[in-house]
């Protein structure tokens, strides 16, 4: 039990050092890579029946993460564009839509000269 506590303390300390030095994104990427490596080593070291369903599962999980990431990025881009238009005064603040383009009804031909 003491050995587990020491190993956990060292692991958490290293993780926090990575976060401090390189940032949270790099720390999460390292954590994910470590888990993926553990999974791959598990298949290599311990014999078990391999099924293509494992591959399909990985494709579905990684694909859904990719789609979610793309959707979130596009949503942030739309929000940023809307905020920029609001700052210029070109967007209705209640509906978030651009006002319709008004046509000039006063043409030179219809105006009467004094």
PDB file of N, CA and C in Angstrom:
ATOM      1  N   UNK A   1       0.828  -1.197   0.000  1.00  0.00           N
ATOM      2  CA  UNK A   1       0.000   0.000   0.000  1.00  0.00           C
ATOM      3  C   UNK A   1       0.868   1.254   0.000  1.00  0.00           C
ATOM      4  N   UNK A   2       1.965   1.223   0.737  1.00  0.00           N
ATOM      5  CA  UNK A   2       2.863   2.380   0.797  1.00  0.00           C
ATOM      6  C   UNK A   2       3.534   2.597  -0.556  1.00  0.00           C
ATOM      7  N   UNK A   3       3.890   1.505  -1.227  1.00  0.00           N
ATOM      8  CA  UNK A   3       4.519   1.616  -2.538  1.00  0.00           C
ATOM      9  C   UNK A   3       3.569   2.268  -3.543  1.00  0.00           C
ATOM     10  N   UNK A   4       2.304   1.886  -3.500  1.00  0.00           N
ATOM     11  CA  UNK A   4       1.303   2.478  -4.388  1.00  0.00           C
ATOM     12  C   UNK A   4       1.167   3.975  -4.123  1.00  0.00           C
ATOM     13  N   UNK A   5       1.185   4.370  -2.864  1.00  0.00           N
ATOM     14  CA  UNK A   5       1.079   5.786  -2.515  1.00  0.00           C
ATOM     15  C   UNK A   5       2.274   6.575  -3.027  1.00  0.00           C
ATOM     16  N   UNK A   6       3.467   6.017  -2.908  1.00  0.00           N
ATOM     17  CA  UNK A   6       4.673   6.700  -3.372  1.00  0.00           C
ATOM     18  C   UNK A   6       4.648   6.837  -4.892  1.00  0.00           C
ATOM     19  N   UNK A   7       4.277   5.760  -5.585  1.00  0.00           N
ATOM     20  CA  UNK A   7       4.216   5.805  -7.048  1.00  0.00           C
ATOM     21  C   UNK A   7       3.166   6.823  -7.505  1.00  0.00           C
ATOM     22  N   UNK A   8       2.014   6.849  -6.850  1.00  0.00           N
ATOM     23  CA  UNK A   8       0.965   7.810  -7.206  1.00  0.00           C
ATOM     24  C   UNK A   8       1.441   9.244  -6.962  1.00  0.00           C
ATOM     25  N   UNK A   9       2.128   9.477  -5.858  1.00  0.00           N
ATOM     26  CA  UNK A   9       2.648  10.812  -5.559  1.00  0.00           C
ATOM     27  C   UNK A   9       3.644  11.259  -6.633  1.00  0.00           C
ATOM     28  N   UNK A  10       4.541  10.380  -7.011  1.00  0.00           N
ATOM     29  CA  UNK A  10       5.541  10.710  -8.038  1.00  0.00           C
ATOM     30  C   UNK A  10       4.846  10.983  -9.377  1.00  0.00           C
ATOM     31  N   UNK A  11       3.879  10.151  -9.734  1.00  0.00           N
ATOM     32  CA  UNK A  11       3.169  10.325 -11.007  1.00  0.00           C
ATOM     33  C   UNK A  11       2.419  11.661 -11.043  1.00  0.00           C
ATOM     34  N   UNK A  12       1.751  11.994  -9.969  1.00  0.00           N
ATOM     35  CA  UNK A  12       1.005  13.261  -9.917  1.00  0.00           C
ATOM     36  C   UNK A  12       1.967  14.446  -9.948  1.00  0.00           C
ATOM     37  N   UNK A  13       3.077  14.330  -9.256  1.00  0.00           N
ATOM     38  CA  UNK A  13       4.068  15.414  -9.258  1.00  0.00           C
ATOM     39  C   UNK A  13       4.631  15.645 -10.660  1.00  0.00           C
ATOM     40  N   UNK A  14       4.929  14.572 -11.360  1.00  0.00           N
ATOM     41  CA  UNK A  14       5.441  14.699 -12.736  1.00  0.00           C
ATOM     42  C   UNK A  14       4.375  15.318 -13.636  1.00  0.00           C
ATOM     43  N   UNK A  15       3.136  14.873 -13.476  1.00  0.00           N
ATOM     44  CA  UNK A  15       2.043  15.423 -14.288  1.00  0.00           C
ATOM     45  C   UNK A  15       1.901  16.926 -14.044  1.00  0.00           C
ATOM     46  N   UNK A  16       1.954  17.348 -12.793  1.00  0.00           N
ATOM     47  CA  UNK A  16       1.831  18.775 -12.480  1.00  0.00           C
ATOM     48  C   UNK A  16       3.015  19.575 -13.015  1.00  0.00           C
ATOM     49  N   UNK A  17       4.201  18.984 -13.014  1.00  0.00           N
ATOM     50  CA  UNK A  17       5.370  19.657 -13.597  1.00  0.00           C
ATOM     51  C   UNK A  17       5.188  19.848 -15.105  1.00  0.00           C
ATOM     52  N   UNK A  18       4.641  18.843 -15.768  1.00  0.00           N
ATOM     53  CA  UNK A  18       4.378  18.956 -17.207  1.00  0.00           C
ATOM     54  C   UNK A  18       3.350  20.055 -17.461  1.00  0.00           C
ATOM     55  N   UNK A  19       2.304  20.103 -16.634  1.00  0.00           N
ATOM     56  CA  UNK A  19       1.278  21.140 -16.786  1.00  0.00           C
ATOM     57  C   UNK A  19       1.895  22.517 -16.597  1.00  0.00           C
ATOM     58  N   UNK A  20       2.700  22.679 -15.570  1.00  0.00           N
ATOM     59  CA  UNK A  20       3.327  23.972 -15.296  1.00  0.00           C
ATOM     60  C   UNK A  20       4.270  24.403 -16.420  1.00  0.00           C
ATOM     61  N   UNK A  21       5.051  23.462 -16.922  1.00  0.00           N
ATOM     62  CA  UNK A  21       6.080  23.813 -17.900  1.00  0.00           C
ATOM     63  C   UNK A  21       5.545  23.922 -19.326  1.00  0.00           C
ATOM     64  N   UNK A  22       4.666  23.002 -19.733  1.00  0.00           N
ATOM     65  CA  UNK A  22       4.232  22.945 -21.129  1.00  0.00           C
ATOM     66  C   UNK A  22       2.759  23.287 -21.343  1.00  0.00           C
ATOM     67  N   UNK A  23       1.965  23.314 -20.282  1.00  0.00           N
ATOM     68  CA  UNK A  23       0.551  23.648 -20.427  1.00  0.00           C
ATOM     69  C   UNK A  23      -0.346  22.423 -20.322  1.00  0.00           C
ATOM     70  N   UNK A  24      -1.623  22.693 -20.141  1.00  0.00           N
ATOM     71  CA  UNK A  24      -2.608  21.641 -19.941  1.00  0.00           C
ATOM     72  C   UNK A  24      -2.844  20.766 -21.151  1.00  0.00           C
ATOM     73  N   UNK A  25      -2.796  21.359 -22.341  1.00  0.00           N
ATOM     74  CA  UNK A  25      -3.069  20.598 -23.558  1.00  0.00           C
ATOM     75  C   UNK A  25      -2.008  19.517 -23.756  1.00  0.00           C
ATOM     76  N   UNK A  26      -0.755  19.882 -23.576  1.00  0.00           N
ATOM     77  CA  UNK A  26       0.328  18.910 -23.731  1.00  0.00           C
ATOM     78  C   UNK A  26       0.205  17.812 -22.682  1.00  0.00           C
ATOM     79  N   UNK A  27      -0.179  18.186 -21.467  1.00  0.00           N
ATOM     80  CA  UNK A  27      -0.337  17.186 -20.402  1.00  0.00           C
ATOM     81  C   UNK A  27      -1.440  16.192 -20.741  1.00  0.00           C
ATOM     82  N   UNK A  28      -2.545  16.677 -21.270  1.00  0.00           N
ATOM     83  CA  UNK A  28      -3.650  15.793 -21.654  1.00  0.00           C
ATOM     84  C   UNK A  28      -3.229  14.902 -22.825  1.00  0.00           C
ATOM     85  N   UNK A  29      -2.510  15.464 -23.784  1.00  0.00           N
ATOM     86  CA  UNK A  29      -2.029  14.651 -24.905  1.00  0.00           C
ATOM     87  C   UNK A  29      -1.092  13.548 -24.422  1.00  0.00           C
ATOM     88  N   UNK A  30      -0.216  13.876 -23.479  1.00  0.00           N
ATOM     89  CA  UNK A  30       0.673  12.860 -22.916  1.00  0.00           C
ATOM     90  C   UNK A  30      -0.112  11.776 -22.185  1.00  0.00           C
ATOM     91  N   UNK A  31      -1.104  12.180 -21.419  1.00  0.00           N
ATOM     92  CA  UNK A  31      -1.923  11.219 -20.688  1.00  0.00           C
ATOM     93  C   UNK A  31      -2.656  10.289 -21.652  1.00  0.00           C
ATOM     94  N   UNK A  32      -3.219  10.853 -22.711  1.00  0.00           N
ATOM     95  CA  UNK A  32      -3.932  10.050 -23.700  1.00  0.00           C
ATOM     96  C   UNK A  32      -2.978   9.104 -24.430  1.00  0.00           C
ATOM     97  N   UNK A  33      -1.800   9.600 -24.782  1.00  0.00           N
ATOM     98  CA  UNK A  33      -0.811   8.748 -25.454  1.00  0.00           C
ATOM     99  C   UNK A  33      -0.363   7.605 -24.544  1.00  0.00           C
ATOM    100  N   UNK A  34      -0.210   7.890 -23.265  1.00  0.00           N
ATOM    101  CA  UNK A  34       0.180   6.840 -22.311  1.00  0.00           C
ATOM    102  C   UNK A  34      -0.895   5.760 -22.233  1.00  0.00           C
ATOM    103  N   UNK A  35      -2.152   6.174 -22.194  1.00  0.00           N
ATOM    104  CA  UNK A  35      -3.247   5.196 -22.139  1.00  0.00           C
ATOM    105  C   UNK A  35      -3.315   4.368 -23.419  1.00  0.00           C
ATOM    106  N   UNK A  36      -3.122   5.015 -24.565  1.00  0.00           N
ATOM    107  CA  UNK A  36      -3.138   4.283 -25.834  1.00  0.00           C
ATOM    108  C   UNK A  36      -1.987   3.282 -25.892  1.00  0.00           C
ATOM    109  N   UNK A  37      -0.826   3.701 -25.418  1.00  0.00           N
ATOM    110  CA  UNK A  37       0.329   2.805 -25.397  1.00  0.00           C
ATOM    111  C   UNK A  37       0.082   1.615 -24.464  1.00  0.00           C
ATOM    112  N   UNK A  38      -0.542   1.870 -23.324  1.00  0.00           N
ATOM    113  CA  UNK A  38      -0.879   0.776 -22.407  1.00  0.00           C
ATOM    114  C   UNK A  38      -1.827  -0.224 -23.060  1.00  0.00           C
ATOM    115  N   UNK A  39      -2.790   0.291 -23.809  1.00  0.00           N
ATOM    116  CA  UNK A  39      -3.740  -0.581 -24.492  1.00  0.00           C
ATOM    117  C   UNK A  39      -3.052  -1.426 -25.567  1.00  0.00           C
ATOM    118  N   UNK A  40      -2.183  -0.792 -26.337  1.00  0.00           N
ATOM    119  CA  UNK A  40      -1.461  -1.518 -27.392  1.00  0.00           C
ATOM    120  C   UNK A  40      -0.549  -2.577 -26.777  1.00  0.00           C
ATOM    121  N   UNK A  41       0.172  -2.211 -25.714  1.00  0.00           N
ATOM    122  CA  UNK A  41       1.046  -3.191 -25.044  1.00  0.00           C
ATOM    123  C   UNK A  41       0.237  -4.341 -24.449  1.00  0.00           C
ATOM    124  N   UNK A  42      -0.953  -4.048 -23.985  1.00  0.00           N
ATOM    125  CA  UNK A  42      -1.813  -5.100 -23.446  1.00  0.00           C
ATOM    126  C   UNK A  42      -2.143  -6.136 -24.514  1.00  0.00           C
ATOM    127  N   UNK A  43      -2.424  -5.673 -25.731  1.00  0.00           N
ATOM    128  CA  UNK A  43      -2.713  -6.605 -26.824  1.00  0.00           C
ATOM    129  C   UNK A  43      -1.475  -7.397 -27.219  1.00  0.00           C
ATOM    130  N   UNK A  44      -0.311  -6.747 -27.177  1.00  0.00           N
ATOM    131  CA  UNK A  44       0.908  -7.426 -27.590  1.00  0.00           C
ATOM    132  C   UNK A  44       1.423  -8.418 -26.552  1.00  0.00           C
ATOM    133  N   UNK A  45       1.334  -8.058 -25.275  1.00  0.00           N
ATOM    134  CA  UNK A  45       1.929  -8.887 -24.226  1.00  0.00           C
ATOM    135  C   UNK A  45       1.020 -10.003 -23.723  1.00  0.00           C
ATOM    136  N   UNK A  46      -0.271  -9.751 -23.699  1.00  0.00           N
ATOM    137  CA  UNK A  46      -1.211 -10.740 -23.171  1.00  0.00           C
ATOM    138  C   UNK A  46      -2.057 -11.278 -24.311  1.00  0.00           C
ATOM    139  N   UNK A  47      -1.949 -12.577 -24.585  1.00  0.00           N
ATOM    140  CA  UNK A  47      -2.675 -13.144 -25.738  1.00  0.00           C
ATOM    141  C   UNK A  47      -4.190 -13.100 -25.523  1.00  0.00           C
ATOM    142  N   UNK A  48      -4.841 -12.575 -26.510  1.00  0.00           N
ATOM    143  CA  UNK A  48      -6.315 -12.560 -26.527  1.00  0.00           C
ATOM    144  C   UNK A  48      -6.760 -12.524 -27.968  1.00  0.00           C
ATOM    145  N   UNK A  49      -7.945 -12.969 -28.189  1.00  0.00           N
ATOM    146  CA  UNK A  49      -8.476 -13.007 -29.548  1.00  0.00           C
ATOM    147  C   UNK A  49      -8.668 -11.579 -30.054  1.00  0.00           C
ATOM    148  N   UNK A  50      -8.158 -11.321 -31.253  1.00  0.00           N
ATOM    149  CA  UNK A  50      -8.308  -9.996 -31.857  1.00  0.00           C
ATOM    150  C   UNK A  50      -9.542  -9.996 -32.739  1.00  0.00           C
ATOM    151  N   UNK A  51     -10.308  -8.962 -32.634  1.00  0.00           N
ATOM    152  CA  UNK A  51     -11.504  -8.829 -33.450  1.00  0.00           C
ATOM    153  C   UNK A  51     -11.462  -7.467 -34.141  1.00  0.00           C
ATOM    154  N   UNK A  52     -11.978  -7.426 -35.350  1.00  0.00           N
ATOM    155  CA  UNK A  52     -12.039  -6.151 -36.056  1.00  0.00           C
ATOM    156  C   UNK A  52     -13.025  -5.200 -35.405  1.00  0.00           C
ATOM    157  N   UNK A  53     -13.837  -5.722 -34.494  1.00  0.00           N
ATOM    158  CA  UNK A  53     -14.734  -4.838 -33.749  1.00  0.00           C
ATOM    159  C   UNK A  53     -13.948  -3.855 -32.884  1.00  0.00           C
ATOM    160  N   UNK A  54     -12.759  -4.260 -32.433  1.00  0.00           N
ATOM    161  CA  UNK A  54     -11.895  -3.332 -31.691  1.00  0.00           C
ATOM    162  C   UNK A  54     -11.511  -2.148 -32.581  1.00  0.00           C
ATOM    163  N   UNK A  55     -11.182  -2.444 -33.822  1.00  0.00           N
ATOM    164  CA  UNK A  55     -10.794  -1.386 -34.756  1.00  0.00           C
ATOM    165  C   UNK A  55     -11.981  -0.480 -35.040  1.00  0.00           C
ATOM    166  N   UNK A  56     -13.151  -1.081 -35.282  1.00  0.00           N
ATOM    167  CA  UNK A  56     -14.357  -0.284 -35.532  1.00  0.00           C
ATOM    168  C   UNK A  56     -14.692   0.589 -34.332  1.00  0.00           C
ATOM    169  N   UNK A  57     -14.535   0.043 -33.144  1.00  0.00           N
ATOM    170  CA  UNK A  57     -14.782   0.826 -31.933  1.00  0.00           C
ATOM    171  C   UNK A  57     -13.844   2.014 -31.832  1.00  0.00           C
ATOM    172  N   UNK A  58     -12.565   1.777 -32.121  1.00  0.00           N
ATOM    173  CA  UNK A  58     -11.588   2.874 -32.084  1.00  0.00           C
ATOM    174  C   UNK A  58     -11.912   3.934 -33.131  1.00  0.00           C
ATOM    175  N   UNK A  59     -12.304   3.486 -34.337  1.00  0.00           N
ATOM    176  CA  UNK A  59     -12.659   4.431 -35.395  1.00  0.00           C
ATOM    177  C   UNK A  59     -13.870   5.259 -34.981  1.00  0.00           C
ATOM    178  N   UNK A  60     -14.871   4.623 -34.389  1.00  0.00           N
ATOM    179  CA  UNK A  60     -16.060   5.355 -33.953  1.00  0.00           C
ATOM    180  C   UNK A  60     -15.738   6.372 -32.864  1.00  0.00           C
ATOM    181  N   UNK A  61     -14.941   5.970 -31.892  1.00  0.00           N
ATOM    182  CA  UNK A  61     -14.593   6.883 -30.798  1.00  0.00           C
ATOM    183  C   UNK A  61     -13.770   8.055 -31.320  1.00  0.00           C
ATOM    184  N   UNK A  62     -12.702   7.754 -32.061  1.00  0.00           N
ATOM    185  CA  UNK A  62     -11.847   8.821 -32.565  1.00  0.00           C
ATOM    186  C   UNK A  62     -12.577   9.693 -33.581  1.00  0.00           C
ATOM    187  N   UNK A  63     -13.427   9.074 -34.402  1.00  0.00           N
ATOM    188  CA  UNK A  63     -14.215   9.847 -35.366  1.00  0.00           C
ATOM    189  C   UNK A  63     -15.187  10.790 -34.689  1.00  0.00           C
ATOM    190  N   UNK A  64     -15.834  10.322 -33.629  1.00  0.00           N
ATOM    191  CA  UNK A  64     -16.776  11.194 -32.917  1.00  0.00           C
ATOM    192  C   UNK A  64     -16.049  12.339 -32.226  1.00  0.00           C
ATOM    193  N   UNK A  65     -14.859  12.077 -31.719  1.00  0.00           N
ATOM    194  CA  UNK A  65     -14.069  13.153 -31.117  1.00  0.00           C
ATOM    195  C   UNK A  65     -13.682  14.177 -32.182  1.00  0.00           C
ATOM    196  N   UNK A  66     -13.303  13.707 -33.349  1.00  0.00           N
ATOM    197  CA  UNK A  66     -12.936  14.601 -34.439  1.00  0.00           C
ATOM    198  C   UNK A  66     -14.126  15.451 -34.885  1.00  0.00           C
ATOM    199  N   UNK A  67     -15.279  14.823 -35.075  1.00  0.00           N
ATOM    200  CA  UNK A  67     -16.479  15.555 -35.494  1.00  0.00           C
ATOM    201  C   UNK A  67     -16.864  16.582 -34.439  1.00  0.00           C
ATOM    202  N   UNK A  68     -16.796  16.200 -33.169  1.00  0.00           N
ATOM    203  CA  UNK A  68     -17.123  17.123 -32.086  1.00  0.00           C
ATOM    204  C   UNK A  68     -16.168  18.305 -32.073  1.00  0.00           C
ATOM    205  N   UNK A  69     -14.906  18.035 -32.282  1.00  0.00           N
ATOM    206  CA  UNK A  69     -13.909  19.106 -32.297  1.00  0.00           C
ATOM    207  C   UNK A  69     -14.146  20.067 -33.457  1.00  0.00           C
ATOM    208  N   UNK A  70     -14.436  19.539 -34.633  1.00  0.00           N
ATOM    209  CA  UNK A  70     -14.696  20.380 -35.802  1.00  0.00           C
ATOM    210  C   UNK A  70     -15.949  21.220 -35.578  1.00  0.00           C
ATOM    211  N   UNK A  71     -17.004  20.600 -35.032  1.00  0.00           N
ATOM    212  CA  UNK A  71     -18.247  21.322 -34.765  1.00  0.00           C
ATOM    213  C   UNK A  71     -18.005  22.460 -33.787  1.00  0.00           C
ATOM    214  N   UNK A  72     -17.255  22.187 -32.722  1.00  0.00           N
ATOM    215  CA  UNK A  72     -16.977  23.204 -31.714  1.00  0.00           C
ATOM    216  C   UNK A  72     -16.169  24.358 -32.313  1.00  0.00           C
ATOM    217  N   UNK A  73     -15.211  24.039 -33.159  1.00  0.00           N
ATOM    218  CA  UNK A  73     -14.379  25.076 -33.774  1.00  0.00           C
ATOM    219  C   UNK A  73     -15.218  25.954 -34.702  1.00  0.00           C
ATOM    220  N   UNK A  74     -16.110  25.336 -35.489  1.00  0.00           N
ATOM    221  CA  UNK A  74     -16.970  26.110 -36.377  1.00  0.00           C
ATOM    222  C   UNK A  74     -17.921  26.999 -35.581  1.00  0.00           C
ATOM    223  N   UNK A  75     -18.436  26.473 -34.463  1.00  0.00           N
ATOM    224  CA  UNK A  75     -19.336  27.254 -33.619  1.00  0.00           C
ATOM    225  C   UNK A  75     -18.612  28.456 -33.025  1.00  0.00           C
ATOM    226  N   UNK A  76     -17.369  28.259 -32.579  1.00  0.00           N
ATOM    227  CA  UNK A  76     -16.587  29.365 -32.051  1.00  0.00           C
ATOM    228  C   UNK A  76     -16.322  30.405 -33.132  1.00  0.00           C
ATOM    229  N   UNK A  77     -16.064  29.951 -34.350  1.00  0.00           N
ATOM    230  CA  UNK A  77     -15.808  30.872 -35.462  1.00  0.00           C
ATOM    231  C   UNK A  77     -17.046  31.702 -35.755  1.00  0.00           C
ATOM    232  N   UNK A  78     -18.227  31.048 -35.775  1.00  0.00           N
ATOM    233  CA  UNK A  78     -19.470  31.784 -36.015  1.00  0.00           C
ATOM    234  C   UNK A  78     -19.729  32.791 -34.904  1.00  0.00           C
ATOM    235  N   UNK A  79     -19.470  32.403 -33.668  1.00  0.00           N
ATOM    236  CA  UNK A  79     -19.664  33.303 -32.533  1.00  0.00           C
ATOM    237  C   UNK A  79     -18.740  34.507 -32.647  1.00  0.00           C
ATOM    238  N   UNK A  80     -17.495  34.262 -33.014  1.00  0.00           N
ATOM    239  CA  UNK A  80     -16.529  35.345 -33.176  1.00  0.00           C
ATOM    240  C   UNK A  80     -16.965  36.298 -34.285  1.00  0.00           C
ATOM    241  N   UNK A  81     -17.427  35.752 -35.404  1.00  0.00           N
ATOM    242  CA  UNK A  81     -17.887  36.596 -36.502  1.00  0.00           C
ATOM    243  C   UNK A  81     -19.096  37.421 -36.086  1.00  0.00           C
ATOM    244  N   UNK A  82     -20.025  36.816 -35.347  1.00  0.00           N
ATOM    245  CA  UNK A  82     -21.201  37.535 -34.875  1.00  0.00           C
ATOM    246  C   UNK A  82     -20.803  38.660 -33.931  1.00  0.00           C
ATOM    247  N   UNK A  83     -19.856  38.391 -33.034  1.00  0.00           N
ATOM    248  CA  UNK A  83     -19.396  39.426 -32.110  1.00  0.00           C
ATOM    249  C   UNK A  83     -18.736  40.576 -32.853  1.00  0.00           C
ATOM    250  N   UNK A  84     -17.975  40.262 -33.892  1.00  0.00           N
ATOM    251  CA  UNK A  84     -17.326  41.310 -34.671  1.00  0.00           C
ATOM    252  C   UNK A  84     -18.364  42.154 -35.397  1.00  0.00           C
ATOM    253  N   UNK A  85     -19.412  41.513 -35.925  1.00  0.00           N
ATOM    254  CA  UNK A  85     -20.467  42.266 -36.591  1.00  0.00           C
ATOM    255  C   UNK A  85     -21.245  43.122 -35.601  1.00  0.00           C
ATOM    256  N   UNK A  86     -21.471  42.599 -34.389  1.00  0.00           N
ATOM    257  CA  UNK A  86     -22.168  43.375 -33.366  1.00  0.00           C
ATOM    258  C   UNK A  86     -21.369  44.608 -32.987  1.00  0.00           C
ATOM    259  N   UNK A  87     -20.058  44.471 -32.930  1.00  0.00           N
ATOM    260  CA  UNK A  87     -19.215  45.612 -32.595  1.00  0.00           C
ATOM    261  C   UNK A  87     -19.298  46.688 -33.675  1.00  0.00           C
ATOM    262  N   UNK A  88     -19.503  46.269 -34.921  1.00  0.00           N
ATOM    263  CA  UNK A  88     -19.644  47.224 -36.008  1.00  0.00           C
ATOM    264  C   UNK A  88     -21.067  47.766 -36.088  1.00  0.00           C
ATOM    265  N   UNK A  89     -21.995  47.142 -35.365  1.00  0.00           N
ATOM    266  CA  UNK A  89     -23.378  47.587 -35.380  1.00  0.00           C
ATOM    267  C   UNK A  89     -24.170  47.028 -36.537  1.00  0.00           C
ATOM    268  N   UNK A  90     -23.717  45.957 -37.150  1.00  0.00           N
ATOM    269  CA  UNK A  90     -24.389  45.385 -38.314  1.00  0.00           C
ATOM    270  C   UNK A  90     -25.279  44.202 -37.975  1.00  0.00           C
ATOM    271  N   UNK A  91     -25.473  43.883 -36.697  1.00  0.00           N
ATOM    272  CA  UNK A  91     -26.268  42.723 -36.323  1.00  0.00           C
ATOM    273  C   UNK A  91     -27.298  43.139 -35.285  1.00  0.00           C
ATOM    274  N   UNK A  92     -28.519  42.629 -35.468  1.00  0.00           N
ATOM    275  CA  UNK A  92     -29.560  42.856 -34.480  1.00  0.00           C
ATOM    276  C   UNK A  92     -29.195  42.083 -33.220  1.00  0.00           C
ATOM    277  N   UNK A  93     -29.084  42.751 -32.081  1.00  0.00           N
ATOM    278  CA  UNK A  93     -28.577  42.119 -30.865  1.00  0.00           C
ATOM    279  C   UNK A  93     -29.568  41.111 -30.277  1.00  0.00           C
ATOM    280  N   UNK A  94     -30.860  41.267 -30.587  1.00  0.00           N
ATOM    281  CA  UNK A  94     -31.842  40.331 -30.042  1.00  0.00           C
ATOM    282  C   UNK A  94     -31.869  39.025 -30.824  1.00  0.00           C
ATOM    283  N   UNK A  95     -31.852  39.111 -32.136  1.00  0.00           N
ATOM    284  CA  UNK A  95     -31.978  37.900 -32.955  1.00  0.00           C
ATOM    285  C   UNK A  95     -30.640  37.361 -33.409  1.00  0.00           C
ATOM    286  N   UNK A  96     -29.603  38.178 -33.428  1.00  0.00           N
ATOM    287  CA  UNK A  96     -28.295  37.735 -33.881  1.00  0.00           C
ATOM    288  C   UNK A  96     -28.178  37.656 -35.391  1.00  0.00           C
ATOM    289  N   UNK A  97     -29.147  38.262 -36.104  1.00  0.00           N
ATOM    290  CA  UNK A  97     -29.139  38.222 -37.556  1.00  0.00           C
ATOM    291  C   UNK A  97     -28.783  39.586 -38.129  1.00  0.00           C
ATOM    292  N   UNK A  98     -28.244  39.563 -39.317  1.00  0.00           N
ATOM    293  CA  UNK A  98     -27.933  40.812 -39.995  1.00  0.00           C
ATOM    294  C   UNK A  98     -29.231  41.428 -40.494  1.00  0.00           C
ATOM    295  N   UNK A  99     -29.343  42.751 -40.420  1.00  0.00           N
ATOM    296  CA  UNK A  99     -30.573  43.383 -40.922  1.00  0.00           C
ATOM    297  C   UNK A  99     -30.633  43.270 -42.442  1.00  0.00           C
ATOM    298  N   UNK A 100     -31.853  43.276 -42.998  1.00  0.00           N
ATOM    299  CA  UNK A 100     -31.966  43.179 -44.456  1.00  0.00           C
ATOM    300  C   UNK A 100     -31.381  44.426 -45.115  1.00  0.00           C
ATOM    301  N   UNK A 101     -30.880  44.237 -46.302  1.00  0.00           N
ATOM    302  CA  UNK A 101     -30.311  45.353 -47.043  1.00  0.00           C
ATOM    303  C   UNK A 101     -31.451  46.204 -47.568  1.00  0.00           C
ATOM    304  N   UNK A 102     -31.409  47.486 -47.241  1.00  0.00           N
ATOM    305  CA  UNK A 102     -32.476  48.384 -47.670  1.00  0.00           C
ATOM    306  C   UNK A 102     -32.157  48.905 -49.065  1.00  0.00           C
ATOM    307  N   UNK A 103     -33.172  48.857 -49.890  1.00  0.00           N
ATOM    308  CA  UNK A 103     -33.005  49.377 -51.244  1.00  0.00           C
ATOM    309  C   UNK A 103     -33.295  50.873 -51.229  1.00  0.00           C
ATOM    310  N   UNK A 104     -32.552  51.586 -52.003  1.00  0.00           N
ATOM    311  CA  UNK A 104     -32.748  53.022 -52.103  1.00  0.00           C
ATOM    312  C   UNK A 104     -33.956  53.290 -52.995  1.00  0.00           C
ATOM    313  N   UNK A 105     -35.047  53.792 -52.388  1.00  0.00           N
ATOM    314  CA  UNK A 105     -36.266  54.053 -53.161  1.00  0.00           C
ATOM    315  C   UNK A 105     -36.241  55.447 -53.769  1.00  0.00           C
ATOM    316  N   UNK A 106     -35.332  56.259 -53.335  1.00  0.00           N
ATOM    317  CA  UNK A 106     -35.234  57.611 -53.876  1.00  0.00           C
ATOM    318  C   UNK A 106     -34.180  57.633 -54.973  1.00  0.00           C
ATOM    319  N   UNK A 107     -34.600  57.318 -56.166  1.00  0.00           N
ATOM    320  CA  UNK A 107     -33.658  57.377 -57.276  1.00  0.00           C
ATOM    321  C   UNK A 107     -33.681  58.775 -57.863  1.00  0.00           C
ATOM    322  N   UNK A 108     -32.726  59.094 -58.672  1.00  0.00           N
ATOM    323  CA  UNK A 108     -32.627  60.422 -59.261  1.00  0.00           C
ATOM    324  C   UNK A 108     -33.776  60.729 -60.181  1.00  0.00           C
ATOM    325  N   UNK A 109     -34.366  59.696 -60.809  1.00  0.00           N
ATOM    326  CA  UNK A 109     -35.451  59.907 -61.765  1.00  0.00           C
ATOM    327  C   UNK A 109     -36.750  60.316 -61.073  1.00  0.00           C
ATOM    328  N   UNK A 110     -36.990  59.831 -59.847  1.00  0.00           N
ATOM    329  CA  UNK A 110     -38.285  60.106 -59.199  1.00  0.00           C
ATOM    330  C   UNK A 110     -38.269  61.358 -58.367  1.00  0.00           C
ATOM    331  N   UNK A 111     -37.087  61.908 -58.091  1.00  0.00           N
ATOM    332  CA  UNK A 111     -37.048  63.114 -57.284  1.00  0.00           C
ATOM    333  C   UNK A 111     -37.439  64.322 -58.156  1.00  0.00           C
ATOM    334  N   UNK A 112     -38.222  65.184 -57.555  1.00  0.00           N
ATOM    335  CA  UNK A 112     -38.589  66.383 -58.300  1.00  0.00           C
ATOM    336  C   UNK A 112     -37.608  67.489 -57.955  1.00  0.00           C
ATOM    337  N   UNK A 113     -37.239  68.252 -58.945  1.00  0.00           N
ATOM    338  CA  UNK A 113     -36.322  69.335 -58.677  1.00  0.00           C
ATOM    339  C   UNK A 113     -37.127  70.600 -58.367  1.00  0.00           C
ATOM    340  N   UNK A 114     -36.632  71.418 -57.464  1.00  0.00           N
ATOM    341  CA  UNK A 114     -37.358  72.651 -57.075  1.00  0.00           C
ATOM    342  C   UNK A 114     -37.284  73.725 -58.108  1.00  0.00           C
TER     343      UNK A 114
END
